Amino acid sequence: MKFVKAIRKQAKLRLALTGPSGSGKTYGALMLAKGLGGRIAVIDTEHGSASLYSHLCEFDVLELEPPYSPERYRQAIKAAEDAGYAVIVIDSTTHEWSGSGGCLEINEHTAQAKFRGNTWSAWNDTTPRHRAFIDAMLQADAHIIATGRSKTETAQTEDGGRKKVVKLGMKTEQRDGFEYEFTCVLDITHAGHFATASKDRTGLFAGDVQPISEDTGRMLREWLESGAEPTPEPEQGEVLTDARKAELEEMALCAVDEFNKGNHLAAAAIYGELTDTEEKLHLWGLLREESKLRAFIKANGPAKKAA
């Protein structure tokens, strides 16, 4: 384990756009996508509503039909990734949770079929499927804009002995904690496509009510691209652990022992067992230190060591 200095790196956007029906989620998502730039794919579960805005920007659409299972959402996301889209709009994620064939229905059916009606136990089966959908969004090699329907939560309180109903805020029709997964969550609360950020890791919105526009997407893109270049992950086999190096030293000793016995082919076979180039190079370096292995080196030398 090793701690390193924290550096904000360039990343893909993970943004949730929530609001009640008719608040302008689809419009806002497309404006954001246009500002981010690049080819846009829309996964539409709202019966073709995205196509009504085809005049706003150029995009391709997949109209996803029921059942709205997590697996079908994942397939749609993967299809968009494979096609090389820069921005994927998921409009909306609510159906994955509470739509026909979504997680709530899946859990009820699972409870009846496997757990004698115990819906609590059934979540042991349903939750991993929902989690896989979340992971597909988080790991996608594209900007993700996910919309979600919300409804106003209210509560009855007493004020001076008189009862009244107060608004507690908006609740997204998705699993509790859904918003934790996103870089930003913008809640549409006013007419005219205005939104307020209920979650903002960018610091761009400062809690103020702002209009969603193409400029909002450009602003987010500039922030995303202002981070440091991401460090590529090392390829498998690039770094040898101390334990693996010790194993290779044992193999080198065995090769020397076989060679001293006159079993030159057996010595060469030990080297040939390795398929990882870095491991071959490491073992080769160990063998080259043995002066008695000239014949082995001649038969398995530089021209063949990385084969």
C-alpha atoms as a PDB file:
ATOM      1  CA  MET A   1       0.000   0.000   0.000  1.00  0.00           C
ATOM      2  CA  LYS A   2       1.211   3.471  -0.843  1.00  0.00           C
ATOM      3  CA  PHE A   3      -0.291   6.955  -0.501  1.00  0.00           C
ATOM      4  CA  VAL A   4       0.323   9.356  -3.374  1.00  0.00           C
ATOM      5  CA  LYS A   5      -0.502  13.021  -3.881  1.00  0.00           C
ATOM      6  CA  ALA A   6      -4.124  13.530  -4.931  1.00  0.00           C
ATOM      7  CA  ILE A   7      -4.484  15.021  -8.410  1.00  0.00           C
ATOM      8  CA  ARG A   8      -7.743  15.683 -10.228  1.00  0.00           C
ATOM      9  CA  LYS A   9      -7.535  13.841 -13.524  1.00  0.00           C
ATOM     10  CA  GLN A  10      -9.416  14.206 -16.752  1.00  0.00           C
ATOM     11  CA  ALA A  11     -12.617  12.200 -16.598  1.00  0.00           C
ATOM     12  CA  LYS A  12     -15.901  11.410 -18.269  1.00  0.00           C
ATOM     13  CA  LEU A  13     -19.011  13.185 -17.031  1.00  0.00           C
ATOM     14  CA  ARG A  14     -21.480  11.317 -14.839  1.00  0.00           C
ATOM     15  CA  LEU A  15     -24.498  13.610 -14.492  1.00  0.00           C
ATOM     16  CA  ALA A  16     -28.044  12.938 -13.307  1.00  0.00           C
ATOM     17  CA  LEU A  17     -30.862  15.241 -14.341  1.00  0.00           C
ATOM     18  CA  THR A  18     -34.018  14.863 -12.278  1.00  0.00           C
ATOM     19  CA  GLY A  19     -37.429  16.498 -12.306  1.00  0.00           C
ATOM     20  CA  PRO A  20     -41.152  15.818 -12.425  1.00  0.00           C
ATOM     21  CA  SER A  21     -42.891  14.821 -15.627  1.00  0.00           C
ATOM     22  CA  GLY A  22     -42.927  17.675 -18.131  1.00  0.00           C
ATOM     23  CA  SER A  23     -40.178  19.669 -16.433  1.00  0.00           C
ATOM     24  CA  GLY A  24     -37.804  19.497 -19.391  1.00  0.00           C
ATOM     25  CA  LYS A  25     -35.409  16.668 -18.526  1.00  0.00           C
ATOM     26  CA  THR A  26     -35.059  15.426 -22.113  1.00  0.00           C
ATOM     27  CA  TYR A  27     -34.558  18.927 -23.480  1.00  0.00           C
ATOM     28  CA  GLY A  28     -31.988  19.711 -20.800  1.00  0.00           C
ATOM     29  CA  ALA A  29     -30.116  16.446 -21.360  1.00  0.00           C
ATOM     30  CA  LEU A  30     -29.824  17.124 -25.093  1.00  0.00           C
ATOM     31  CA  MET A  31     -28.608  20.694 -24.513  1.00  0.00           C
ATOM     32  CA  LEU A  32     -25.953  19.394 -22.131  1.00  0.00           C
ATOM     33  CA  ALA A  33     -24.950  16.689 -24.603  1.00  0.00           C
ATOM     34  CA  LYS A  34     -24.662  19.202 -27.431  1.00  0.00           C
ATOM     35  CA  GLY A  35     -22.386  21.397 -25.335  1.00  0.00           C
ATOM     36  CA  LEU A  36     -20.173  18.451 -24.377  1.00  0.00           C
ATOM     37  CA  GLY A  37     -19.558  17.799 -28.074  1.00  0.00           C
ATOM     38  CA  GLY A  38     -19.098  14.615 -30.088  1.00  0.00           C
ATOM     39  CA  ARG A  39     -21.571  12.017 -31.309  1.00  0.00           C
ATOM     40  CA  ILE A  40     -24.653  11.593 -29.145  1.00  0.00           C
ATOM     41  CA  ALA A  41     -26.611   8.405 -28.460  1.00  0.00           C
ATOM     42  CA  VAL A  42     -29.976   8.513 -26.668  1.00  0.00           C
ATOM     43  CA  ILE A  43     -31.446   5.464 -24.950  1.00  0.00           C
ATOM     44  CA  ASP A  44     -35.132   6.462 -24.928  1.00  0.00           C
ATOM     45  CA  THR A  45     -37.646   4.717 -22.664  1.00  0.00           C
ATOM     46  CA  GLU A  46     -40.106   7.618 -22.876  1.00  0.00           C
ATOM     47  CA  HIS A  47     -41.975   6.404 -25.971  1.00  0.00           C
ATOM     48  CA  GLY A  48     -40.032   8.423 -28.515  1.00  0.00           C
ATOM     49  CA  SER A  49     -40.040  11.735 -26.651  1.00  0.00           C
ATOM     50  CA  ALA A  50     -36.371  12.393 -27.447  1.00  0.00           C
ATOM     51  CA  SER A  51     -37.043  12.366 -31.181  1.00  0.00           C
ATOM     52  CA  LEU A  52     -39.422  15.292 -30.734  1.00  0.00           C
ATOM     53  CA  TYR A  53     -36.296  17.382 -30.108  1.00  0.00           C
ATOM     54  CA  SER A  54     -34.365  16.214 -33.167  1.00  0.00           C
ATOM     55  CA  HIS A  55     -34.204  19.842 -34.333  1.00  0.00           C
ATOM     56  CA  LEU A  56     -32.041  20.808 -31.346  1.00  0.00           C
ATOM     57  CA  CYS A  57     -28.995  18.763 -32.290  1.00  0.00           C
ATOM     58  CA  GLU A  58     -27.956  15.695 -34.244  1.00  0.00           C
ATOM     59  CA  PHE A  59     -28.222  12.432 -32.331  1.00  0.00           C
ATOM     60  CA  ASP A  60     -29.050   8.768 -32.785  1.00  0.00           C
ATOM     61  CA  VAL A  61     -31.743   7.094 -30.738  1.00  0.00           C
ATOM     62  CA  LEU A  62     -32.513   3.601 -29.485  1.00  0.00           C
ATOM     63  CA  GLU A  63     -36.113   3.354 -28.320  1.00  0.00           C
ATOM     64  CA  LEU A  64     -35.933   0.763 -25.565  1.00  0.00           C
ATOM     65  CA  GLU A  65     -39.125  -1.212 -25.036  1.00  0.00           C
ATOM     66  CA  PRO A  66     -40.236  -3.262 -21.994  1.00  0.00           C
ATOM     67  CA  PRO A  67     -39.115  -5.229 -20.133  1.00  0.00           C
ATOM     68  CA  TYR A  68     -36.909  -2.548 -18.610  1.00  0.00           C
ATOM     69  CA  SER A  69     -34.549  -4.965 -16.892  1.00  0.00           C
ATOM     70  CA  PRO A  70     -31.059  -3.897 -15.774  1.00  0.00           C
ATOM     71  CA  GLU A  71     -29.585  -6.263 -18.350  1.00  0.00           C
ATOM     72  CA  ARG A  72     -31.358  -4.558 -21.265  1.00  0.00           C
ATOM     73  CA  TYR A  73     -30.067  -1.171 -20.110  1.00  0.00           C
ATOM     74  CA  ARG A  74     -26.558  -2.623 -19.912  1.00  0.00           C
ATOM     75  CA  GLN A  75     -26.858  -4.028 -23.426  1.00  0.00           C
ATOM     76  CA  ALA A  76     -27.944  -0.620 -24.719  1.00  0.00           C
ATOM     77  CA  ILE A  77     -25.041   1.142 -22.981  1.00  0.00           C
ATOM     78  CA  LYS A  78     -22.562  -1.382 -24.374  1.00  0.00           C
ATOM     79  CA  ALA A  79     -23.999  -0.996 -27.878  1.00  0.00           C
ATOM     80  CA  ALA A  80     -23.488   2.776 -27.636  1.00  0.00           C
ATOM     81  CA  GLU A  81     -19.924   2.300 -26.353  1.00  0.00           C
ATOM     82  CA  ASP A  82     -19.069  -0.172 -29.106  1.00  0.00           C
ATOM     83  CA  ALA A  83     -20.390   2.276 -31.696  1.00  0.00           C
ATOM     84  CA  GLY A  84     -18.026   4.955 -30.396  1.00  0.00           C
ATOM     85  CA  TYR A  85     -20.511   7.577 -29.170  1.00  0.00           C
ATOM     86  CA  ALA A  86     -18.971  10.373 -27.086  1.00  0.00           C
ATOM     87  CA  VAL A  87     -22.123  11.083 -25.051  1.00  0.00           C
ATOM     88  CA  ILE A  88     -24.772   8.603 -23.905  1.00  0.00           C
ATOM     89  CA  VAL A  89     -28.084  10.016 -22.703  1.00  0.00           C
ATOM     90  CA  ILE A  90     -30.225   7.556 -20.717  1.00  0.00           C
ATOM     91  CA  ASP A  91     -33.770   8.926 -20.723  1.00  0.00           C
ATOM     92  CA  SER A  92     -34.837   7.691 -18.274  1.00  0.00           C
ATOM     93  CA  THR A  93     -33.354   5.496 -15.551  1.00  0.00           C
ATOM     94  CA  THR A  94     -36.640   5.446 -13.620  1.00  0.00           C
ATOM     95  CA  HIS A  95     -37.970   2.599 -15.765  1.00  0.00           C
ATOM     96  CA  GLU A  96     -35.034   0.372 -14.732  1.00  0.00           C
ATOM     97  CA  TRP A  97     -36.290   0.688 -11.164  1.00  0.00           C
ATOM     98  CA  SER A  98     -40.074   0.996 -11.255  1.00  0.00           C
ATOM     99  CA  GLY A  99     -41.046   0.401 -14.879  1.00  0.00           C
ATOM    100  CA  SER A 100     -42.487  -2.706 -16.481  1.00  0.00           C
ATOM    101  CA  GLY A 101     -39.956  -5.476 -15.952  1.00  0.00           C
ATOM    102  CA  GLY A 102     -37.805  -3.208 -13.780  1.00  0.00           C
ATOM    103  CA  CYS A 103     -36.174  -4.038 -10.470  1.00  0.00           C
ATOM    104  CA  LEU A 104     -39.298  -3.688  -8.330  1.00  0.00           C
ATOM    105  CA  GLU A 105     -41.204  -6.135 -10.531  1.00  0.00           C
ATOM    106  CA  ILE A 106     -38.192  -8.431 -10.765  1.00  0.00           C
ATOM    107  CA  ASN A 107     -37.882  -8.505  -6.988  1.00  0.00           C
ATOM    108  CA  GLU A 108     -41.572  -9.289  -6.504  1.00  0.00           C
ATOM    109  CA  HIS A 109     -41.439 -12.161  -8.989  1.00  0.00           C
ATOM    110  CA  THR A 110     -38.227 -13.484  -7.431  1.00  0.00           C
ATOM    111  CA  ALA A 111     -39.776 -13.367  -3.972  1.00  0.00           C
ATOM    112  CA  GLN A 112     -42.770 -15.413  -5.104  1.00  0.00           C
ATOM    113  CA  ALA A 113     -40.685 -17.923  -7.053  1.00  0.00           C
ATOM    114  CA  LYS A 114     -37.752 -18.499  -4.670  1.00  0.00           C
ATOM    115  CA  PHE A 115     -38.382 -16.987  -1.254  1.00  0.00           C
ATOM    116  CA  ARG A 116     -42.025 -17.833  -0.406  1.00  0.00           C
ATOM    117  CA  GLY A 117     -43.072 -14.232  -0.897  1.00  0.00           C
ATOM    118  CA  ASN A 118     -40.261 -12.769   1.222  1.00  0.00           C
ATOM    119  CA  THR A 119     -39.342  -9.654  -0.770  1.00  0.00           C
ATOM    120  CA  TRP A 120     -36.577  -8.730   1.693  1.00  0.00           C
ATOM    121  CA  SER A 121     -34.680 -11.928   0.965  1.00  0.00           C
ATOM    122  CA  ALA A 122     -35.306 -11.544  -2.765  1.00  0.00           C
ATOM    123  CA  TRP A 123     -33.134  -8.418  -2.827  1.00  0.00           C
ATOM    124  CA  ASN A 124     -30.123 -10.711  -2.453  1.00  0.00           C
ATOM    125  CA  ASP A 125     -30.804 -11.671  -6.076  1.00  0.00           C
ATOM    126  CA  THR A 126     -32.093  -8.342  -7.376  1.00  0.00           C
ATOM    127  CA  THR A 127     -29.502  -5.965  -5.917  1.00  0.00           C
ATOM    128  CA  PRO A 128     -26.496  -7.390  -7.819  1.00  0.00           C
ATOM    129  CA  ARG A 129     -28.400  -6.963 -11.091  1.00  0.00           C
ATOM    130  CA  HIS A 130     -29.184  -3.331 -10.274  1.00  0.00           C
ATOM    131  CA  ARG A 131     -25.587  -2.774  -9.151  1.00  0.00           C
ATOM    132  CA  ALA A 132     -24.324  -4.121 -12.480  1.00  0.00           C
ATOM    133  CA  PHE A 133     -26.426  -1.488 -14.272  1.00  0.00           C
ATOM    134  CA  ILE A 134     -24.931   1.274 -12.097  1.00  0.00           C
ATOM    135  CA  ASP A 135     -21.429  -0.056 -12.772  1.00  0.00           C
ATOM    136  CA  ALA A 136     -22.113  -0.056 -16.518  1.00  0.00           C
ATOM    137  CA  MET A 137     -22.829   3.677 -16.329  1.00  0.00           C
ATOM    138  CA  LEU A 138     -19.826   4.433 -14.124  1.00  0.00           C
ATOM    139  CA  GLN A 139     -17.377   2.431 -16.226  1.00  0.00           C
ATOM    140  CA  ALA A 140     -18.586   3.499 -19.666  1.00  0.00           C
ATOM    141  CA  ASP A 141     -15.969   5.124 -21.885  1.00  0.00           C
ATOM    142  CA  ALA A 142     -18.324   8.012 -22.683  1.00  0.00           C
ATOM    143  CA  HIS A 143     -20.022  10.915 -20.955  1.00  0.00           C
ATOM    144  CA  ILE A 144     -23.208   9.724 -19.244  1.00  0.00           C
ATOM    145  CA  ILE A 145     -26.277  11.928 -18.750  1.00  0.00           C
ATOM    146  CA  ALA A 146     -29.005   9.993 -16.934  1.00  0.00           C
ATOM    147  CA  THR A 147     -32.452  11.438 -16.388  1.00  0.00           C
ATOM    148  CA  GLY A 148     -34.798  10.374 -13.649  1.00  0.00           C
ATOM    149  CA  ARG A 149     -38.393  11.226 -12.780  1.00  0.00           C
ATOM    150  CA  SER A 150     -38.943  12.809  -9.408  1.00  0.00           C
ATOM    151  CA  LYS A 151     -41.907  13.644  -7.280  1.00  0.00           C
ATOM    152  CA  THR A 152     -42.410  16.165  -4.508  1.00  0.00           C
ATOM    153  CA  GLU A 153     -42.213  14.739  -1.013  1.00  0.00           C
ATOM    154  CA  THR A 154     -44.576  16.322   1.517  1.00  0.00           C
ATOM    155  CA  ALA A 155     -45.254  15.967   5.214  1.00  0.00           C
ATOM    156  CA  GLN A 156     -47.984  17.135   7.575  1.00  0.00           C
ATOM    157  CA  THR A 157     -46.798  19.414  10.383  1.00  0.00           C
ATOM    158  CA  GLU A 158     -48.364  21.545  13.098  1.00  0.00           C
ATOM    159  CA  ASP A 159     -47.952  25.302  13.291  1.00  0.00           C
ATOM    160  CA  GLY A 160     -49.605  27.008  16.216  1.00  0.00           C
ATOM    161  CA  GLY A 161     -51.953  24.097  16.680  1.00  0.00           C
ATOM    162  CA  ARG A 162     -52.966  24.112  13.049  1.00  0.00           C
ATOM    163  CA  LYS A 163     -51.984  21.320  10.685  1.00  0.00           C
ATOM    164  CA  LYS A 164     -50.450  22.118   7.335  1.00  0.00           C
ATOM    165  CA  VAL A 165     -48.670  20.304   4.542  1.00  0.00           C
ATOM    166  CA  VAL A 166     -45.097  21.335   3.793  1.00  0.00           C
ATOM    167  CA  LYS A 167     -42.850  20.366   0.899  1.00  0.00           C
ATOM    168  CA  LEU A 168     -39.703  18.479   1.893  1.00  0.00           C
ATOM    169  CA  GLY A 169     -38.062  18.475  -1.533  1.00  0.00           C
ATOM    170  CA  MET A 170     -37.854  16.257  -4.572  1.00  0.00           C
ATOM    171  CA  LYS A 171     -37.270  12.509  -4.463  1.00  0.00           C
ATOM    172  CA  THR A 172     -36.033  10.663  -7.543  1.00  0.00           C
ATOM    173  CA  GLU A 173     -37.967   7.545  -8.526  1.00  0.00           C
ATOM    174  CA  GLN A 174     -34.955   5.303  -8.234  1.00  0.00           C
ATOM    175  CA  ARG A 175     -33.297   3.293  -5.525  1.00  0.00           C
ATOM    176  CA  ASP A 176     -32.257   5.252  -2.431  1.00  0.00           C
ATOM    177  CA  GLY A 177     -28.672   6.413  -2.792  1.00  0.00           C
ATOM    178  CA  PHE A 178     -28.837   6.488  -6.584  1.00  0.00           C
ATOM    179  CA  GLU A 179     -27.584  10.080  -6.634  1.00  0.00           C
ATOM    180  CA  TYR A 180     -24.369   9.176  -4.790  1.00  0.00           C
ATOM    181  CA  GLU A 181     -22.903   7.677  -7.945  1.00  0.00           C
ATOM    182  CA  PHE A 182     -22.810  10.894 -10.003  1.00  0.00           C
ATOM    183  CA  THR A 183     -20.421  13.806 -10.341  1.00  0.00           C
ATOM    184  CA  CYS A 184     -23.382  16.202 -10.500  1.00  0.00           C
ATOM    185  CA  VAL A 185     -27.097  15.953  -9.838  1.00  0.00           C
ATOM    186  CA  LEU A 186     -29.193  18.769 -11.275  1.00  0.00           C
ATOM    187  CA  ASP A 187     -32.799  19.040 -10.114  1.00  0.00           C
ATOM    188  CA  ILE A 188     -35.181  20.877 -12.454  1.00  0.00           C
ATOM    189  CA  THR A 189     -37.429  22.867 -10.181  1.00  0.00           C
ATOM    190  CA  HIS A 190     -38.615  25.815 -12.287  1.00  0.00           C
ATOM    191  CA  ALA A 191     -40.260  26.414 -15.636  1.00  0.00           C
ATOM    192  CA  GLY A 192     -37.923  27.507 -18.395  1.00  0.00           C
ATOM    193  CA  HIS A 193     -35.394  24.677 -17.877  1.00  0.00           C
ATOM    194  CA  PHE A 194     -33.907  26.112 -14.691  1.00  0.00           C
ATOM    195  CA  ALA A 195     -32.193  23.718 -12.306  1.00  0.00           C
ATOM    196  CA  THR A 196     -30.400  23.683  -8.993  1.00  0.00           C
ATOM    197  CA  ALA A 197     -27.535  21.374  -8.100  1.00  0.00           C
ATOM    198  CA  SER A 198     -28.341  19.041  -5.214  1.00  0.00           C
ATOM    199  CA  LYS A 199     -24.895  17.503  -5.670  1.00  0.00           C
ATOM    200  CA  ASP A 200     -21.928  19.170  -7.325  1.00  0.00           C
ATOM    201  CA  ARG A 201     -18.352  17.896  -7.210  1.00  0.00           C
ATOM    202  CA  THR A 202     -17.274  20.398  -9.860  1.00  0.00           C
ATOM    203  CA  GLY A 203     -17.931  23.582  -7.868  1.00  0.00           C
ATOM    204  CA  LEU A 204     -19.397  25.165 -10.996  1.00  0.00           C
ATOM    205  CA  PHE A 205     -22.959  25.629  -9.774  1.00  0.00           C
ATOM    206  CA  ALA A 206     -22.549  26.893  -6.183  1.00  0.00           C
ATOM    207  CA  GLY A 207     -26.135  25.953  -5.338  1.00  0.00           C
ATOM    208  CA  ASP A 208     -27.598  28.735  -7.483  1.00  0.00           C
ATOM    209  CA  VAL A 209     -30.580  28.184  -9.747  1.00  0.00           C
ATOM    210  CA  GLN A 210     -29.273  28.272 -13.314  1.00  0.00           C
ATOM    211  CA  PRO A 211     -30.706  27.650 -16.778  1.00  0.00           C
ATOM    212  CA  ILE A 212     -29.608  24.455 -18.513  1.00  0.00           C
ATOM    213  CA  SER A 213     -28.240  25.233 -21.945  1.00  0.00           C
ATOM    214  CA  GLU A 214     -25.577  24.270 -24.431  1.00  0.00           C
ATOM    215  CA  ASP A 215     -23.243  26.592 -22.529  1.00  0.00           C
ATOM    216  CA  THR A 216     -23.725  24.447 -19.416  1.00  0.00           C
ATOM    217  CA  GLY A 217     -22.377  21.468 -21.349  1.00  0.00           C
ATOM    218  CA  ARG A 218     -19.400  23.485 -22.613  1.00  0.00           C
ATOM    219  CA  MET A 219     -18.639  24.641 -19.075  1.00  0.00           C
ATOM    220  CA  LEU A 220     -18.672  21.051 -17.821  1.00  0.00           C
ATOM    221  CA  ARG A 221     -16.478  19.894 -20.713  1.00  0.00           C
ATOM    222  CA  GLU A 222     -13.865  22.538 -19.941  1.00  0.00           C
ATOM    223  CA  TRP A 223     -13.815  21.472 -16.293  1.00  0.00           C
ATOM    224  CA  LEU A 224     -13.523  17.788 -17.197  1.00  0.00           C
ATOM    225  CA  GLU A 225     -10.654  18.444 -19.625  1.00  0.00           C
ATOM    226  CA  SER A 226      -8.780  20.746 -17.236  1.00  0.00           C
ATOM    227  CA  GLY A 227      -7.634  17.831 -15.092  1.00  0.00           C
ATOM    228  CA  ALA A 228      -4.313  16.055 -15.436  1.00  0.00           C
ATOM    229  CA  GLU A 229      -3.844  13.451 -18.148  1.00  0.00           C
ATOM    230  CA  PRO A 230      -4.870  10.053 -16.767  1.00  0.00           C
ATOM    231  CA  THR A 231      -2.017   7.648 -16.122  1.00  0.00           C
ATOM    232  CA  PRO A 232      -2.504   4.462 -18.148  1.00  0.00           C
ATOM    233  CA  GLU A 233      -2.877   1.271 -16.200  1.00  0.00           C
ATOM    234  CA  PRO A 234       0.149  -1.040 -16.463  1.00  0.00           C
ATOM    235  CA  GLU A 235      -0.350  -3.947 -18.818  1.00  0.00           C
ATOM    236  CA  GLN A 236      -0.658  -7.369 -17.307  1.00  0.00           C
ATOM    237  CA  GLY A 237       2.786  -8.777 -16.666  1.00  0.00           C
ATOM    238  CA  GLU A 238       4.510  -5.386 -16.820  1.00  0.00           C
ATOM    239  CA  VAL A 239       5.269  -5.361 -13.079  1.00  0.00           C
ATOM    240  CA  LEU A 240       6.620  -8.475 -11.394  1.00  0.00           C
ATOM    241  CA  THR A 241       5.931  -8.961  -7.714  1.00  0.00           C
ATOM    242  CA  ASP A 242       8.705 -10.003  -5.345  1.00  0.00           C
ATOM    243  CA  ALA A 243       6.982 -13.352  -4.892  1.00  0.00           C
ATOM    244  CA  ARG A 244       6.950 -13.990  -8.644  1.00  0.00           C
ATOM    245  CA  LYS A 245      10.615 -12.966  -8.947  1.00  0.00           C
ATOM    246  CA  ALA A 246      11.449 -15.531  -6.256  1.00  0.00           C
ATOM    247  CA  GLU A 247       9.584 -18.198  -8.243  1.00  0.00           C
ATOM    248  CA  LEU A 248      11.534 -17.261 -11.382  1.00  0.00           C
ATOM    249  CA  GLU A 249      14.817 -17.562  -9.466  1.00  0.00           C
ATOM    250  CA  GLU A 250      13.805 -21.088  -8.487  1.00  0.00           C
ATOM    251  CA  MET A 251      13.074 -21.857 -12.141  1.00  0.00           C
ATOM    252  CA  ALA A 252      16.487 -20.485 -13.130  1.00  0.00           C
ATOM    253  CA  LEU A 253      18.186 -22.754 -10.591  1.00  0.00           C
ATOM    254  CA  CYS A 254      16.266 -25.729 -11.965  1.00  0.00           C
ATOM    255  CA  ALA A 255      17.356 -24.820 -15.500  1.00  0.00           C
ATOM    256  CA  VAL A 256      21.005 -24.653 -14.376  1.00  0.00           C
ATOM    257  CA  ASP A 257      20.676 -28.004 -12.615  1.00  0.00           C
ATOM    258  CA  GLU A 258      19.176 -29.672 -15.703  1.00  0.00           C
ATOM    259  CA  PHE A 259      21.884 -28.194 -17.907  1.00  0.00           C
ATOM    260  CA  ASN A 260      24.654 -29.466 -15.608  1.00  0.00           C
ATOM    261  CA  LYS A 261      23.116 -32.925 -15.844  1.00  0.00           C
ATOM    262  CA  GLY A 262      23.323 -32.716 -19.618  1.00  0.00           C
ATOM    263  CA  ASN A 263      19.583 -32.330 -20.034  1.00  0.00           C
ATOM    264  CA  HIS A 264      19.784 -29.318 -22.349  1.00  0.00           C
ATOM    265  CA  LEU A 265      16.282 -29.782 -23.737  1.00  0.00           C
ATOM    266  CA  ALA A 266      14.816 -29.952 -20.231  1.00  0.00           C
ATOM    267  CA  ALA A 267      16.618 -26.724 -19.350  1.00  0.00           C
ATOM    268  CA  ALA A 268      15.220 -25.034 -22.449  1.00  0.00           C
ATOM    269  CA  ALA A 269      11.728 -26.347 -21.665  1.00  0.00           C
ATOM    270  CA  ILE A 270      11.718 -24.511 -18.331  1.00  0.00           C
ATOM    271  CA  TYR A 271      12.237 -21.247 -20.181  1.00  0.00           C
ATOM    272  CA  GLY A 272       9.620 -22.226 -22.737  1.00  0.00           C
ATOM    273  CA  GLU A 273       6.976 -22.694 -20.033  1.00  0.00           C
ATOM    274  CA  LEU A 274       6.653 -18.920 -19.704  1.00  0.00           C
ATOM    275  CA  THR A 275       4.234 -17.003 -21.910  1.00  0.00           C
ATOM    276  CA  ASP A 276       4.579 -13.547 -20.329  1.00  0.00           C
ATOM    277  CA  THR A 277       7.269 -11.471 -22.077  1.00  0.00           C
ATOM    278  CA  GLU A 278       8.356  -9.617 -18.938  1.00  0.00           C
ATOM    279  CA  GLU A 279       8.784 -12.891 -17.050  1.00  0.00           C
ATOM    280  CA  LYS A 280      10.804 -14.338 -19.936  1.00  0.00           C
ATOM    281  CA  LEU A 281      13.111 -11.325 -19.935  1.00  0.00           C
ATOM    282  CA  HIS A 282      13.581 -11.544 -16.168  1.00  0.00           C
ATOM    283  CA  LEU A 283      14.403 -15.262 -16.267  1.00  0.00           C
ATOM    284  CA  TRP A 284      16.670 -14.673 -19.231  1.00  0.00           C
ATOM    285  CA  GLY A 285      18.623 -12.111 -17.227  1.00  0.00           C
ATOM    286  CA  LEU A 286      19.092 -14.631 -14.431  1.00  0.00           C
ATOM    287  CA  LEU A 287      20.262 -17.349 -16.833  1.00  0.00           C
ATOM    288  CA  ARG A 288      22.761 -15.077 -18.573  1.00  0.00           C
ATOM    289  CA  GLU A 289      24.630 -14.744 -15.272  1.00  0.00           C
ATOM    290  CA  GLU A 290      25.480 -18.467 -15.409  1.00  0.00           C
ATOM    291  CA  SER A 291      28.665 -18.924 -17.418  1.00  0.00           C
ATOM    292  CA  LYS A 292      27.984 -22.648 -17.866  1.00  0.00           C
ATOM    293  CA  LEU A 293      24.834 -21.984 -19.912  1.00  0.00           C
ATOM    294  CA  ARG A 294      26.547 -20.867 -23.130  1.00  0.00           C
ATOM    295  CA  ALA A 295      24.916 -23.637 -25.147  1.00  0.00           C
ATOM    296  CA  PHE A 296      21.537 -22.839 -23.638  1.00  0.00           C
ATOM    297  CA  ILE A 297      21.990 -19.174 -24.441  1.00  0.00           C
ATOM    298  CA  LYS A 298      23.015 -20.019 -27.977  1.00  0.00           C
ATOM    299  CA  ALA A 299      19.892 -22.115 -28.487  1.00  0.00           C
ATOM    300  CA  ASN A 300      17.480 -19.706 -26.771  1.00  0.00           C
ATOM    301  CA  GLY A 301      19.199 -16.368 -27.178  1.00  0.00           C
ATOM    302  CA  PRO A 302      18.106 -12.828 -27.960  1.00  0.00           C
ATOM    303  CA  ALA A 303      16.344 -13.791 -31.165  1.00  0.00           C
ATOM    304  CA  LYS A 304      14.053 -16.148 -29.264  1.00  0.00           C
ATOM    305  CA  LYS A 305      13.897 -14.782 -25.734  1.00  0.00           C
ATOM    306  CA  ALA A 306      10.641 -12.839 -26.252  1.00  0.00           C
ATOM    307  CA  ALA A 307       8.990 -15.444 -28.460  1.00  0.00           C
END
